[in-house]
Amino acid sequence: MSKSIKKYSAALLFLMIYCCSLSAGSLSKEYQIKSAILIKLTKFVFWDNLSGSTSPINFCLLQPEPFGLYIDEVAKQDSLVSKSHPLMILRVDNGDDISHCHVLFMPKKSLLLKGIHARDTVFITEGRSTIDSDNHINLYTNNGQIKFEINIDNIRRDKIKMRAQLLSVATIVKNTGTKP
């Protein structure tokens, strides 16, 4: 098995166990797990504007974000992402320019940005369905497990490229009225 396949298999294995159980009131543990999931997700997305470069992946967090410095530490420790494209964690406020963001995470307590489209930006929400929204990925908790859904219509519309391994472990949703 090639090194590349081994790396992606290891990352995929991590994503497959993303559904770690959470005990009631374990917000800190929940956001530690979500931090790891969010960082791992970047391994399964292709950005055309990063092809052939060593430019960083700009991972933007819309304020107020729940991670504190924990997600920064997870990003630093993640050697698979850092080798080809270092991961930069950036905090943005509503109304800031997001054109430099490769990923924009919008937590539960943030104002949901609507009607936003930025080339090569993956929009991730928390606890908000991606059905009939502009978002691509949504993290949610079901029976004490963290899961994620991907809106395949929005991914196609915005020409976001994702590895099949990521799609295979996500709940795939479509917008209302979309033909199969």
N, C-alpha and C. Protein backbone atom coordinates (compact mmCIF):
# COMPACT_ATOMS: atom_id res chain seq x y z
N MET A 1 0.85 -1.17 0.00
CA MET A 1 0.00 0.00 0.00
C MET A 1 0.90 1.24 0.00
N SER A 2 0.60 2.23 -0.84
CA SER A 2 1.45 3.41 -0.93
C SER A 2 1.31 4.27 0.33
N LYS A 3 2.32 5.14 0.54
CA LYS A 3 2.29 6.02 1.70
C LYS A 3 1.07 6.93 1.68
N SER A 4 0.73 7.41 0.48
CA SER A 4 -0.42 8.30 0.34
C SER A 4 -1.71 7.61 0.76
N ILE A 5 -1.90 6.38 0.32
CA ILE A 5 -3.11 5.63 0.66
C ILE A 5 -3.13 5.36 2.16
N LYS A 6 -1.97 5.05 2.75
CA LYS A 6 -1.91 4.80 4.19
C LYS A 6 -2.29 6.06 4.98
N LYS A 7 -1.79 7.23 4.53
CA LYS A 7 -2.11 8.48 5.21
C LYS A 7 -3.61 8.74 5.17
N TYR A 8 -4.18 8.60 3.98
CA TYR A 8 -5.61 8.88 3.84
C TYR A 8 -6.45 7.82 4.54
N SER A 9 -5.98 6.61 4.58
CA SER A 9 -6.70 5.55 5.30
C SER A 9 -6.71 5.86 6.80
N ALA A 10 -5.58 6.32 7.31
CA ALA A 10 -5.51 6.68 8.73
C ALA A 10 -6.44 7.85 9.04
N ALA A 11 -6.44 8.84 8.17
CA ALA A 11 -7.33 9.98 8.37
C ALA A 11 -8.79 9.56 8.26
N LEU A 12 -9.08 8.68 7.32
CA LEU A 12 -10.45 8.18 7.15
C LEU A 12 -10.88 7.39 8.37
N LEU A 13 -9.97 6.59 8.90
CA LEU A 13 -10.28 5.82 10.10
C LEU A 13 -10.65 6.76 11.24
N PHE A 14 -9.90 7.85 11.36
CA PHE A 14 -10.23 8.82 12.40
C PHE A 14 -11.63 9.38 12.18
N LEU A 15 -11.95 9.74 10.95
CA LEU A 15 -13.27 10.29 10.67
C LEU A 15 -14.37 9.28 10.94
N MET A 16 -14.08 8.01 10.71
CA MET A 16 -15.10 6.99 10.93
C MET A 16 -15.40 6.81 12.42
N ILE A 17 -14.45 7.18 13.26
CA ILE A 17 -14.72 7.08 14.70
C ILE A 17 -15.07 8.44 15.28
N TYR A 18 -15.42 9.37 14.40
CA TYR A 18 -15.82 10.70 14.82
C TYR A 18 -17.05 10.68 15.70
N CYS A 19 -17.78 9.62 15.66
CA CYS A 19 -19.04 9.55 16.40
C CYS A 19 -18.80 9.15 17.85
N CYS A 20 -17.71 9.64 18.42
CA CYS A 20 -17.41 9.35 19.82
C CYS A 20 -18.56 9.81 20.70
N SER A 21 -18.89 9.02 21.69
CA SER A 21 -20.00 9.36 22.58
C SER A 21 -19.64 10.53 23.47
N LEU A 22 -20.64 11.35 23.72
CA LEU A 22 -20.47 12.50 24.60
C LEU A 22 -21.37 12.33 25.81
N SER A 23 -20.86 12.65 26.97
CA SER A 23 -21.72 12.62 28.15
C SER A 23 -22.41 13.97 28.27
N ALA A 24 -23.53 13.98 28.97
CA ALA A 24 -24.30 15.21 29.13
C ALA A 24 -23.43 16.27 29.80
N GLY A 25 -23.51 17.48 29.30
CA GLY A 25 -22.78 18.59 29.90
C GLY A 25 -21.30 18.58 29.61
N SER A 26 -20.86 17.86 28.60
CA SER A 26 -19.42 17.78 28.30
C SER A 26 -19.05 18.70 27.14
N LEU A 27 -19.41 19.96 27.25
CA LEU A 27 -19.16 20.92 26.18
C LEU A 27 -17.69 20.97 25.80
N SER A 28 -16.81 20.98 26.78
CA SER A 28 -15.39 21.03 26.50
C SER A 28 -14.94 19.83 25.67
N LYS A 29 -15.35 18.65 26.05
CA LYS A 29 -15.01 17.42 25.31
C LYS A 29 -15.62 17.47 23.91
N GLU A 30 -16.86 17.96 23.80
CA GLU A 30 -17.52 18.07 22.50
C GLU A 30 -16.71 18.94 21.55
N TYR A 31 -16.22 20.07 22.03
CA TYR A 31 -15.48 20.96 21.14
C TYR A 31 -14.06 20.48 20.89
N GLN A 32 -13.51 19.67 21.77
CA GLN A 32 -12.23 19.03 21.47
C GLN A 32 -12.41 18.07 20.30
N ILE A 33 -13.47 17.28 20.34
CA ILE A 33 -13.74 16.33 19.26
C ILE A 33 -14.05 17.08 17.96
N LYS A 34 -14.88 18.12 18.05
CA LYS A 34 -15.22 18.89 16.85
C LYS A 34 -13.98 19.55 16.25
N SER A 35 -13.06 20.01 17.10
CA SER A 35 -11.81 20.59 16.60
C SER A 35 -11.05 19.58 15.74
N ALA A 36 -10.92 18.38 16.26
CA ALA A 36 -10.20 17.33 15.52
C ALA A 36 -10.91 16.99 14.21
N ILE A 37 -12.23 16.89 14.25
CA ILE A 37 -12.99 16.57 13.03
C ILE A 37 -12.80 17.66 12.00
N LEU A 38 -12.93 18.92 12.41
CA LEU A 38 -12.80 20.03 11.47
C LEU A 38 -11.42 20.05 10.81
N ILE A 39 -10.39 19.83 11.60
CA ILE A 39 -9.03 19.82 11.05
C ILE A 39 -8.87 18.65 10.08
N LYS A 40 -9.38 17.48 10.44
CA LYS A 40 -9.27 16.30 9.56
C LYS A 40 -10.04 16.49 8.26
N LEU A 41 -11.17 17.20 8.31
CA LEU A 41 -11.96 17.42 7.09
C LEU A 41 -11.15 18.09 5.99
N THR A 42 -10.21 18.95 6.38
CA THR A 42 -9.43 19.67 5.36
C THR A 42 -8.59 18.74 4.49
N LYS A 43 -8.30 17.56 4.97
CA LYS A 43 -7.50 16.59 4.20
C LYS A 43 -8.28 16.01 3.03
N PHE A 44 -9.58 16.15 3.05
CA PHE A 44 -10.43 15.51 2.05
C PHE A 44 -11.04 16.49 1.07
N VAL A 45 -10.54 17.72 1.07
CA VAL A 45 -11.03 18.75 0.15
C VAL A 45 -9.87 19.20 -0.73
N PHE A 46 -10.17 19.45 -2.00
CA PHE A 46 -9.18 19.96 -2.95
C PHE A 46 -9.49 21.43 -3.22
N TRP A 47 -8.47 22.27 -3.18
CA TRP A 47 -8.62 23.67 -3.53
C TRP A 47 -7.79 23.95 -4.77
N ASP A 48 -8.46 24.38 -5.84
CA ASP A 48 -7.76 24.68 -7.09
C ASP A 48 -6.72 25.77 -6.90
N ASN A 49 -7.02 26.76 -6.05
CA ASN A 49 -6.08 27.86 -5.87
C ASN A 49 -4.86 27.49 -5.01
N LEU A 50 -4.80 26.26 -4.52
CA LEU A 50 -3.64 25.79 -3.76
C LEU A 50 -2.80 24.79 -4.55
N SER A 51 -3.28 24.41 -5.71
CA SER A 51 -2.61 23.39 -6.50
C SER A 51 -1.18 23.80 -6.82
N GLY A 52 -0.24 22.92 -6.52
CA GLY A 52 1.16 23.15 -6.85
C GLY A 52 1.85 24.19 -5.99
N SER A 53 1.25 24.60 -4.90
CA SER A 53 1.89 25.60 -4.05
C SER A 53 2.03 25.05 -2.63
N THR A 54 2.71 25.81 -1.81
CA THR A 54 2.80 25.45 -0.39
C THR A 54 2.08 26.50 0.45
N SER A 55 1.16 27.23 -0.17
CA SER A 55 0.38 28.24 0.53
C SER A 55 -0.43 27.61 1.65
N PRO A 56 -0.71 28.38 2.69
CA PRO A 56 -1.48 27.81 3.80
C PRO A 56 -2.96 27.65 3.45
N ILE A 57 -3.61 26.74 4.16
CA ILE A 57 -5.06 26.61 4.12
C ILE A 57 -5.57 27.55 5.21
N ASN A 58 -6.34 28.56 4.82
CA ASN A 58 -6.88 29.51 5.79
C ASN A 58 -8.21 28.98 6.33
N PHE A 59 -8.19 28.58 7.58
CA PHE A 59 -9.37 28.03 8.25
C PHE A 59 -9.93 29.13 9.13
N CYS A 60 -11.04 29.72 8.69
CA CYS A 60 -11.61 30.87 9.39
C CYS A 60 -12.74 30.44 10.32
N LEU A 61 -12.76 31.05 11.49
CA LEU A 61 -13.79 30.79 12.49
C LEU A 61 -14.57 32.07 12.69
N LEU A 62 -15.88 32.02 12.41
CA LEU A 62 -16.73 33.19 12.62
C LEU A 62 -16.96 33.36 14.11
N GLN A 63 -16.79 34.58 14.60
CA GLN A 63 -16.97 34.89 16.02
C GLN A 63 -18.44 34.96 16.38
N PRO A 64 -18.84 34.63 17.58
CA PRO A 64 -18.00 34.09 18.65
C PRO A 64 -17.78 32.59 18.43
N GLU A 65 -16.54 32.17 18.49
CA GLU A 65 -16.22 30.75 18.26
C GLU A 65 -15.99 30.05 19.58
N PRO A 66 -16.34 28.77 19.66
CA PRO A 66 -16.33 28.05 20.94
C PRO A 66 -15.03 27.31 21.28
N PHE A 67 -14.02 27.38 20.43
CA PHE A 67 -12.85 26.51 20.58
C PHE A 67 -11.74 27.09 21.44
N GLY A 68 -11.68 28.41 21.55
CA GLY A 68 -10.55 29.01 22.23
C GLY A 68 -9.28 28.67 21.46
N LEU A 69 -8.19 28.47 22.17
CA LEU A 69 -6.92 28.16 21.52
C LEU A 69 -6.76 26.67 21.25
N TYR A 70 -7.72 25.86 21.67
CA TYR A 70 -7.60 24.41 21.49
C TYR A 70 -7.47 24.04 20.02
N ILE A 71 -8.29 24.63 19.16
CA ILE A 71 -8.23 24.28 17.73
C ILE A 71 -6.90 24.70 17.11
N ASP A 72 -6.30 25.78 17.62
CA ASP A 72 -4.98 26.19 17.13
C ASP A 72 -3.94 25.11 17.44
N GLU A 73 -4.03 24.54 18.63
CA GLU A 73 -3.10 23.47 19.03
C GLU A 73 -3.31 22.21 18.19
N VAL A 74 -4.56 21.87 17.94
CA VAL A 74 -4.86 20.69 17.10
C VAL A 74 -4.28 20.90 15.71
N ALA A 75 -4.45 22.10 15.16
CA ALA A 75 -3.92 22.40 13.83
C ALA A 75 -2.40 22.29 13.80
N LYS A 76 -1.73 22.77 14.83
CA LYS A 76 -0.26 22.69 14.89
C LYS A 76 0.21 21.24 14.96
N GLN A 77 -0.52 20.41 15.68
CA GLN A 77 -0.11 19.02 15.87
C GLN A 77 -0.44 18.13 14.68
N ASP A 78 -1.23 18.62 13.78
CA ASP A 78 -1.67 17.79 12.67
C ASP A 78 -0.62 17.78 11.56
N SER A 79 0.23 16.81 11.58
CA SER A 79 1.36 16.78 10.65
C SER A 79 0.94 16.48 9.21
N LEU A 80 -0.16 15.76 9.00
CA LEU A 80 -0.55 15.43 7.62
C LEU A 80 -0.93 16.66 6.84
N VAL A 81 -1.64 17.60 7.45
CA VAL A 81 -2.00 18.83 6.76
C VAL A 81 -0.78 19.73 6.64
N SER A 82 -0.01 19.84 7.71
CA SER A 82 1.10 20.78 7.76
C SER A 82 2.19 20.49 6.74
N LYS A 83 2.37 19.24 6.35
CA LYS A 83 3.45 18.91 5.43
C LYS A 83 3.28 19.58 4.07
N SER A 84 2.10 19.54 3.50
CA SER A 84 1.92 20.12 2.18
C SER A 84 1.41 21.56 2.25
N HIS A 85 0.45 21.81 3.08
CA HIS A 85 -0.12 23.15 3.25
C HIS A 85 -0.33 23.39 4.73
N PRO A 86 0.44 24.30 5.32
CA PRO A 86 0.21 24.59 6.74
C PRO A 86 -1.22 25.11 6.93
N LEU A 87 -1.79 24.81 8.06
CA LEU A 87 -3.15 25.23 8.37
C LEU A 87 -3.10 26.46 9.26
N MET A 88 -3.69 27.55 8.80
CA MET A 88 -3.73 28.79 9.58
C MET A 88 -5.14 28.98 10.12
N ILE A 89 -5.26 29.11 11.43
CA ILE A 89 -6.56 29.37 12.06
C ILE A 89 -6.70 30.88 12.18
N LEU A 90 -7.78 31.40 11.59
CA LEU A 90 -8.04 32.84 11.60
C LEU A 90 -9.43 33.08 12.19
N ARG A 91 -9.56 34.14 12.97
CA ARG A 91 -10.87 34.51 13.51
C ARG A 91 -11.40 35.69 12.70
N VAL A 92 -12.67 35.60 12.30
CA VAL A 92 -13.29 36.67 11.53
C VAL A 92 -14.60 37.08 12.20
N ASP A 93 -14.96 38.32 11.99
CA ASP A 93 -16.23 38.83 12.49
C ASP A 93 -17.22 38.94 11.35
N ASN A 94 -18.50 38.96 11.68
CA ASN A 94 -19.54 39.15 10.69
C ASN A 94 -19.28 40.47 9.96
N GLY A 95 -19.28 40.44 8.66
CA GLY A 95 -19.00 41.63 7.87
C GLY A 95 -17.57 41.71 7.37
N ASP A 96 -16.67 40.90 7.93
CA ASP A 96 -15.28 40.87 7.45
C ASP A 96 -15.22 40.24 6.06
N ASP A 97 -14.19 40.59 5.32
CA ASP A 97 -13.93 39.97 4.02
C ASP A 97 -13.53 38.51 4.27
N ILE A 98 -14.20 37.59 3.61
CA ILE A 98 -13.88 36.17 3.79
C ILE A 98 -13.28 35.56 2.53
N SER A 99 -12.92 36.39 1.56
CA SER A 99 -12.42 35.85 0.29
C SER A 99 -11.11 35.08 0.46
N HIS A 100 -10.38 35.31 1.53
CA HIS A 100 -9.11 34.60 1.79
C HIS A 100 -9.32 33.27 2.52
N CYS A 101 -10.57 32.99 2.93
CA CYS A 101 -10.86 31.79 3.71
C CYS A 101 -11.07 30.58 2.79
N HIS A 102 -10.37 29.50 3.07
CA HIS A 102 -10.61 28.23 2.37
C HIS A 102 -11.74 27.47 3.05
N VAL A 103 -11.84 27.64 4.37
CA VAL A 103 -12.91 27.05 5.17
C VAL A 103 -13.45 28.16 6.06
N LEU A 104 -14.78 28.24 6.18
CA LEU A 104 -15.40 29.17 7.12
C LEU A 104 -16.33 28.36 8.01
N PHE A 105 -16.00 28.32 9.31
CA PHE A 105 -16.84 27.62 10.28
C PHE A 105 -17.74 28.64 10.97
N MET A 106 -19.06 28.36 10.95
CA MET A 106 -20.05 29.25 11.58
C MET A 106 -20.69 28.50 12.74
N PRO A 107 -20.25 28.77 13.99
CA PRO A 107 -20.78 28.05 15.14
C PRO A 107 -22.24 28.41 15.44
N LYS A 108 -22.83 27.62 16.34
CA LYS A 108 -24.24 27.81 16.73
C LYS A 108 -24.56 29.24 17.12
N LYS A 109 -23.70 29.85 17.90
CA LYS A 109 -24.00 31.17 18.46
C LYS A 109 -23.67 32.33 17.53
N SER A 110 -23.14 32.06 16.36
CA SER A 110 -22.83 33.14 15.42
C SER A 110 -24.06 33.44 14.58
N LEU A 111 -24.06 34.62 14.00
CA LEU A 111 -25.10 34.94 13.03
C LEU A 111 -24.81 34.15 11.78
N LEU A 112 -25.82 33.49 11.26
CA LEU A 112 -25.64 32.68 10.06
C LEU A 112 -25.53 33.60 8.85
N LEU A 113 -24.45 33.48 8.12
CA LEU A 113 -24.27 34.28 6.92
C LEU A 113 -25.09 33.65 5.81
N LYS A 114 -25.92 34.44 5.17
CA LYS A 114 -26.79 33.91 4.11
C LYS A 114 -26.39 34.53 2.78
N GLY A 115 -26.62 33.78 1.73
CA GLY A 115 -26.36 34.29 0.39
C GLY A 115 -24.89 34.51 0.11
N ILE A 116 -24.04 33.81 0.84
CA ILE A 116 -22.60 33.99 0.64
C ILE A 116 -22.07 32.93 -0.31
N HIS A 117 -21.27 33.35 -1.21
CA HIS A 117 -20.59 32.43 -2.11
C HIS A 117 -19.20 33.01 -2.32
N ALA A 118 -18.21 32.30 -1.94
CA ALA A 118 -16.83 32.71 -2.19
C ALA A 118 -16.15 31.53 -2.86
N ARG A 119 -15.52 31.80 -3.96
CA ARG A 119 -14.87 30.73 -4.72
C ARG A 119 -13.88 30.00 -3.82
N ASP A 120 -13.92 28.70 -3.89
CA ASP A 120 -12.99 27.84 -3.14
C ASP A 120 -13.14 27.94 -1.62
N THR A 121 -14.31 28.33 -1.13
CA THR A 121 -14.54 28.36 0.32
C THR A 121 -15.57 27.31 0.69
N VAL A 122 -15.20 26.46 1.64
CA VAL A 122 -16.12 25.45 2.17
C VAL A 122 -16.78 26.05 3.41
N PHE A 123 -18.12 26.11 3.39
CA PHE A 123 -18.88 26.67 4.51
C PHE A 123 -19.36 25.54 5.40
N ILE A 124 -18.97 25.60 6.68
CA ILE A 124 -19.34 24.58 7.66
C ILE A 124 -20.14 25.23 8.78
N THR A 125 -21.27 24.62 9.11
CA THR A 125 -22.10 25.12 10.20
C THR A 125 -22.13 24.09 11.32
N GLU A 126 -22.75 24.50 12.41
CA GLU A 126 -22.88 23.63 13.57
C GLU A 126 -24.34 23.62 14.01
N GLY A 127 -24.96 22.46 13.95
CA GLY A 127 -26.33 22.33 14.42
C GLY A 127 -27.38 22.99 13.54
N ARG A 128 -27.03 23.28 12.29
CA ARG A 128 -27.96 23.90 11.35
C ARG A 128 -27.94 23.07 10.08
N SER A 129 -29.05 22.58 9.70
CA SER A 129 -29.10 21.72 8.52
C SER A 129 -28.60 22.45 7.28
N THR A 130 -27.99 21.70 6.38
CA THR A 130 -27.52 22.28 5.12
C THR A 130 -28.60 22.24 4.05
N ILE A 131 -29.73 21.58 4.33
CA ILE A 131 -30.81 21.50 3.34
C ILE A 131 -31.37 22.90 3.11
N ASP A 132 -31.47 23.27 1.83
CA ASP A 132 -31.99 24.58 1.43
C ASP A 132 -31.23 25.74 2.07
N SER A 133 -29.94 25.58 2.23
CA SER A 133 -29.09 26.65 2.73
C SER A 133 -27.92 26.80 1.76
N ASP A 134 -27.02 27.72 2.04
CA ASP A 134 -25.84 27.89 1.19
C ASP A 134 -24.64 27.11 1.72
N ASN A 135 -24.81 26.42 2.83
CA ASN A 135 -23.70 25.74 3.49
C ASN A 135 -23.39 24.40 2.84
N HIS A 136 -22.17 23.94 3.05
CA HIS A 136 -21.71 22.68 2.47
C HIS A 136 -21.73 21.52 3.47
N ILE A 137 -21.27 21.80 4.69
CA ILE A 137 -21.14 20.75 5.72
C ILE A 137 -21.76 21.26 7.01
N ASN A 138 -22.43 20.37 7.73
CA ASN A 138 -23.00 20.72 9.03
C ASN A 138 -22.61 19.65 10.04
N LEU A 139 -22.04 20.09 11.17
CA LEU A 139 -21.77 19.19 12.29
C LEU A 139 -22.99 19.19 13.19
N TYR A 140 -23.41 18.01 13.62
CA TYR A 140 -24.56 17.93 14.52
C TYR A 140 -24.37 16.77 15.48
N THR A 141 -25.14 16.79 16.56
CA THR A 141 -25.08 15.73 17.55
C THR A 141 -26.37 14.94 17.49
N ASN A 142 -26.25 13.61 17.43
CA ASN A 142 -27.41 12.72 17.38
C ASN A 142 -27.16 11.58 18.35
N ASN A 143 -28.04 11.44 19.33
CA ASN A 143 -27.89 10.40 20.36
C ASN A 143 -26.51 10.42 21.01
N GLY A 144 -26.02 11.62 21.30
CA GLY A 144 -24.74 11.76 21.97
C GLY A 144 -23.53 11.55 21.09
N GLN A 145 -23.73 11.48 19.78
CA GLN A 145 -22.61 11.27 18.86
C GLN A 145 -22.51 12.46 17.91
N ILE A 146 -21.28 12.87 17.62
CA ILE A 146 -21.05 13.95 16.67
C ILE A 146 -21.01 13.35 15.27
N LYS A 147 -21.82 13.92 14.40
CA LYS A 147 -21.90 13.45 13.01
C LYS A 147 -21.82 14.66 12.10
N PHE A 148 -21.74 14.41 10.80
CA PHE A 148 -21.80 15.54 9.87
C PHE A 148 -22.55 15.15 8.62
N GLU A 149 -23.19 16.19 8.05
CA GLU A 149 -23.91 16.01 6.80
C GLU A 149 -23.26 16.91 5.76
N ILE A 150 -23.34 16.47 4.51
CA ILE A 150 -22.81 17.24 3.39
C ILE A 150 -23.93 17.44 2.40
N ASN A 151 -24.13 18.70 1.98
CA ASN A 151 -25.14 19.00 0.98
C ASN A 151 -24.50 18.84 -0.40
N ILE A 152 -24.83 17.75 -1.06
CA ILE A 152 -24.22 17.41 -2.34
C ILE A 152 -24.59 18.42 -3.43
N ASP A 153 -25.80 18.98 -3.35
CA ASP A 153 -26.21 19.99 -4.33
C ASP A 153 -25.34 21.24 -4.22
N ASN A 154 -25.09 21.69 -3.00
CA ASN A 154 -24.26 22.88 -2.80
C ASN A 154 -22.81 22.63 -3.18
N ILE A 155 -22.32 21.43 -2.90
CA ILE A 155 -20.95 21.07 -3.29
C ILE A 155 -20.81 21.14 -4.81
N ARG A 156 -21.77 20.58 -5.51
CA ARG A 156 -21.74 20.60 -6.98
C ARG A 156 -21.89 22.02 -7.51
N ARG A 157 -22.85 22.77 -6.94
CA ARG A 157 -23.11 24.14 -7.39
C ARG A 157 -21.85 24.99 -7.30
N ASP A 158 -21.12 24.85 -6.20
CA ASP A 158 -19.95 25.68 -5.95
C ASP A 158 -18.65 25.04 -6.43
N LYS A 159 -18.78 23.90 -7.11
CA LYS A 159 -17.63 23.20 -7.69
C LYS A 159 -16.55 22.90 -6.64
N ILE A 160 -17.00 22.50 -5.45
CA ILE A 160 -16.09 22.08 -4.38
C ILE A 160 -15.73 20.62 -4.65
N LYS A 161 -14.45 20.32 -4.59
CA LYS A 161 -14.00 18.94 -4.84
C LYS A 161 -13.65 18.27 -3.52
N MET A 162 -14.31 17.13 -3.27
CA MET A 162 -14.07 16.36 -2.04
C MET A 162 -13.75 14.93 -2.39
N ARG A 163 -12.93 14.32 -1.59
CA ARG A 163 -12.59 12.91 -1.77
C ARG A 163 -13.81 12.04 -1.48
N ALA A 164 -13.92 10.96 -2.21
CA ALA A 164 -15.03 10.01 -2.04
C ALA A 164 -15.04 9.44 -0.62
N GLN A 165 -13.87 9.30 0.00
CA GLN A 165 -13.80 8.75 1.35
C GLN A 165 -14.57 9.63 2.34
N LEU A 166 -14.51 10.95 2.16
CA LEU A 166 -15.25 11.85 3.03
C LEU A 166 -16.75 11.71 2.81
N LEU A 167 -17.14 11.67 1.55
CA LEU A 167 -18.57 11.54 1.23
C LEU A 167 -19.13 10.22 1.75
N SER A 168 -18.29 9.19 1.78
CA SER A 168 -18.78 7.87 2.20
C SER A 168 -19.08 7.78 3.69
N VAL A 169 -18.50 8.65 4.51
CA VAL A 169 -18.75 8.60 5.95
C VAL A 169 -19.70 9.70 6.42
N ALA A 170 -20.18 10.53 5.49
CA ALA A 170 -21.10 11.61 5.83
C ALA A 170 -22.54 11.21 5.52
N THR A 171 -23.47 11.92 6.13
CA THR A 171 -24.87 11.83 5.72
C THR A 171 -25.01 12.79 4.55
N ILE A 172 -25.41 12.29 3.41
CA ILE A 172 -25.55 13.12 2.21
C ILE A 172 -26.98 13.65 2.15
N VAL A 173 -27.11 14.97 1.99
CA VAL A 173 -28.43 15.58 1.87
C VAL A 173 -28.49 16.38 0.57
N LYS A 174 -29.72 16.64 0.13
CA LYS A 174 -29.97 17.43 -1.07
C LYS A 174 -30.95 18.53 -0.71
N ASN A 175 -30.99 19.56 -1.52
CA ASN A 175 -31.95 20.63 -1.32
C ASN A 175 -33.34 20.15 -1.69
N THR A 176 -34.35 20.72 -1.06
CA THR A 176 -35.74 20.37 -1.35
C THR A 176 -36.03 20.63 -2.82
N GLY A 177 -36.71 19.70 -3.45
CA GLY A 177 -37.08 19.88 -4.84
C GLY A 177 -36.02 19.44 -5.83
N THR A 178 -34.89 18.95 -5.33
CA THR A 178 -33.84 18.46 -6.22
C THR A 178 -34.23 17.09 -6.72
N LYS A 179 -34.07 16.90 -8.01
CA LYS A 179 -34.38 15.58 -8.59
C LYS A 179 -33.24 14.63 -8.29
N PRO A 180 -33.57 13.35 -8.02
CA PRO A 180 -32.51 12.37 -7.71
C PRO A 180 -31.55 12.17 -8.85
